[in-house]
Amino acid sequence: MNPKTKFRVTTLSVLACLAVSGCGPSQPQHMIRAPDPPSSYQVPRTKEEKIAAINRANVSEDMKKAAIAKVNAGP
């Protein structure tokens, strides 16, 4: 093989390797998070529901008393 032919074969081999390795997505596909399922939570509307929600909350007793007082003072 003469040097010119050897150079062409090598060049074509390198280009073929680059073309094959370059196939496919260059960046990873992003995972799209599924939407949250419908919640059973409902916003408390009546005074009794609001007070019950405050009593279930994970807060201090002083904060519960202040929140209940605010609910009782409201319309």
Protein backbone atom coordinates (compact mmCIF):
# COMPACT_ATOMS: atom_id res chain seq x y z
CA MET A 1 0.00 0.00 0.00
CA ASN A 2 1.33 3.36 -0.86
CA PRO A 3 1.30 6.15 1.78
CA LYS A 4 -1.44 8.13 0.03
CA THR A 5 -3.87 5.18 0.06
CA LYS A 6 -2.96 4.33 3.65
CA PHE A 7 -3.69 7.94 4.68
CA ARG A 8 -7.10 7.86 2.96
CA VAL A 9 -8.06 4.55 4.57
CA THR A 10 -7.01 5.83 8.00
CA THR A 11 -8.90 9.10 7.49
CA LEU A 12 -12.05 7.29 6.37
CA SER A 13 -11.80 4.90 9.33
CA VAL A 14 -11.49 7.77 11.79
CA LEU A 15 -14.43 9.61 10.20
CA ALA A 16 -16.55 6.45 10.26
CA CYS A 17 -15.77 5.94 13.96
CA LEU A 18 -16.70 9.54 14.72
CA ALA A 19 -19.94 9.23 12.76
CA VAL A 20 -20.93 6.02 14.54
CA SER A 21 -20.05 7.25 18.00
CA GLY A 22 -21.85 10.53 17.39
CA CYS A 23 -25.17 8.83 16.70
CA GLY A 24 -27.92 9.09 19.28
CA PRO A 25 -28.90 11.82 21.68
CA SER A 26 -25.96 13.92 22.79
CA GLN A 27 -27.68 15.04 25.97
CA PRO A 28 -29.53 12.81 28.41
CA GLN A 29 -33.27 12.75 28.09
CA HIS A 30 -35.03 14.55 30.91
CA MET A 31 -37.52 12.66 32.95
CA ILE A 32 -40.86 14.43 33.17
CA ARG A 33 -42.50 13.97 36.52
CA ALA A 34 -46.04 12.65 36.45
CA PRO A 35 -48.69 15.03 37.75
CA ASP A 36 -49.71 14.67 41.36
CA PRO A 37 -52.80 12.56 41.90
CA PRO A 38 -55.93 14.42 42.91
CA SER A 39 -55.80 15.23 46.58
CA SER A 40 -58.49 14.51 49.09
CA TYR A 41 -57.59 17.71 50.94
CA GLN A 42 -60.32 20.33 51.00
CA VAL A 43 -59.90 23.88 52.24
CA PRO A 44 -61.81 24.35 55.51
CA ARG A 45 -64.68 26.74 54.92
CA THR A 46 -66.80 26.74 58.07
CA LYS A 47 -65.66 27.91 61.48
CA GLU A 48 -65.85 24.36 62.88
CA GLU A 49 -63.74 22.98 60.04
CA LYS A 50 -61.15 25.71 60.53
CA ILE A 51 -60.91 25.06 64.26
CA ALA A 52 -60.63 21.30 63.67
CA ALA A 53 -57.83 21.91 61.16
CA ILE A 54 -56.00 24.17 63.61
CA ASN A 55 -56.26 21.51 66.35
CA ARG A 56 -54.77 18.88 63.99
CA ALA A 57 -51.87 21.16 63.02
CA ASN A 58 -48.38 20.40 64.29
CA VAL A 59 -47.81 23.73 66.06
CA SER A 60 -47.50 24.85 69.66
CA GLU A 61 -50.53 25.28 71.89
CA ASP A 62 -49.99 29.05 72.03
CA MET A 63 -50.09 29.28 68.24
CA LYS A 64 -53.24 27.14 68.17
CA LYS A 65 -54.95 29.39 70.73
CA ALA A 66 -53.99 32.52 68.75
CA ALA A 67 -55.26 31.02 65.48
CA ILE A 68 -58.54 29.89 67.05
CA ALA A 69 -59.02 33.36 68.55
CA LYS A 70 -58.45 34.87 65.11
CA VAL A 71 -61.03 32.50 63.57
CA ASN A 72 -63.57 33.30 66.29
CA ALA A 73 -63.02 37.06 65.83
CA GLY A 74 -63.49 36.91 62.06
CA PRO A 75 -66.78 37.10 60.20
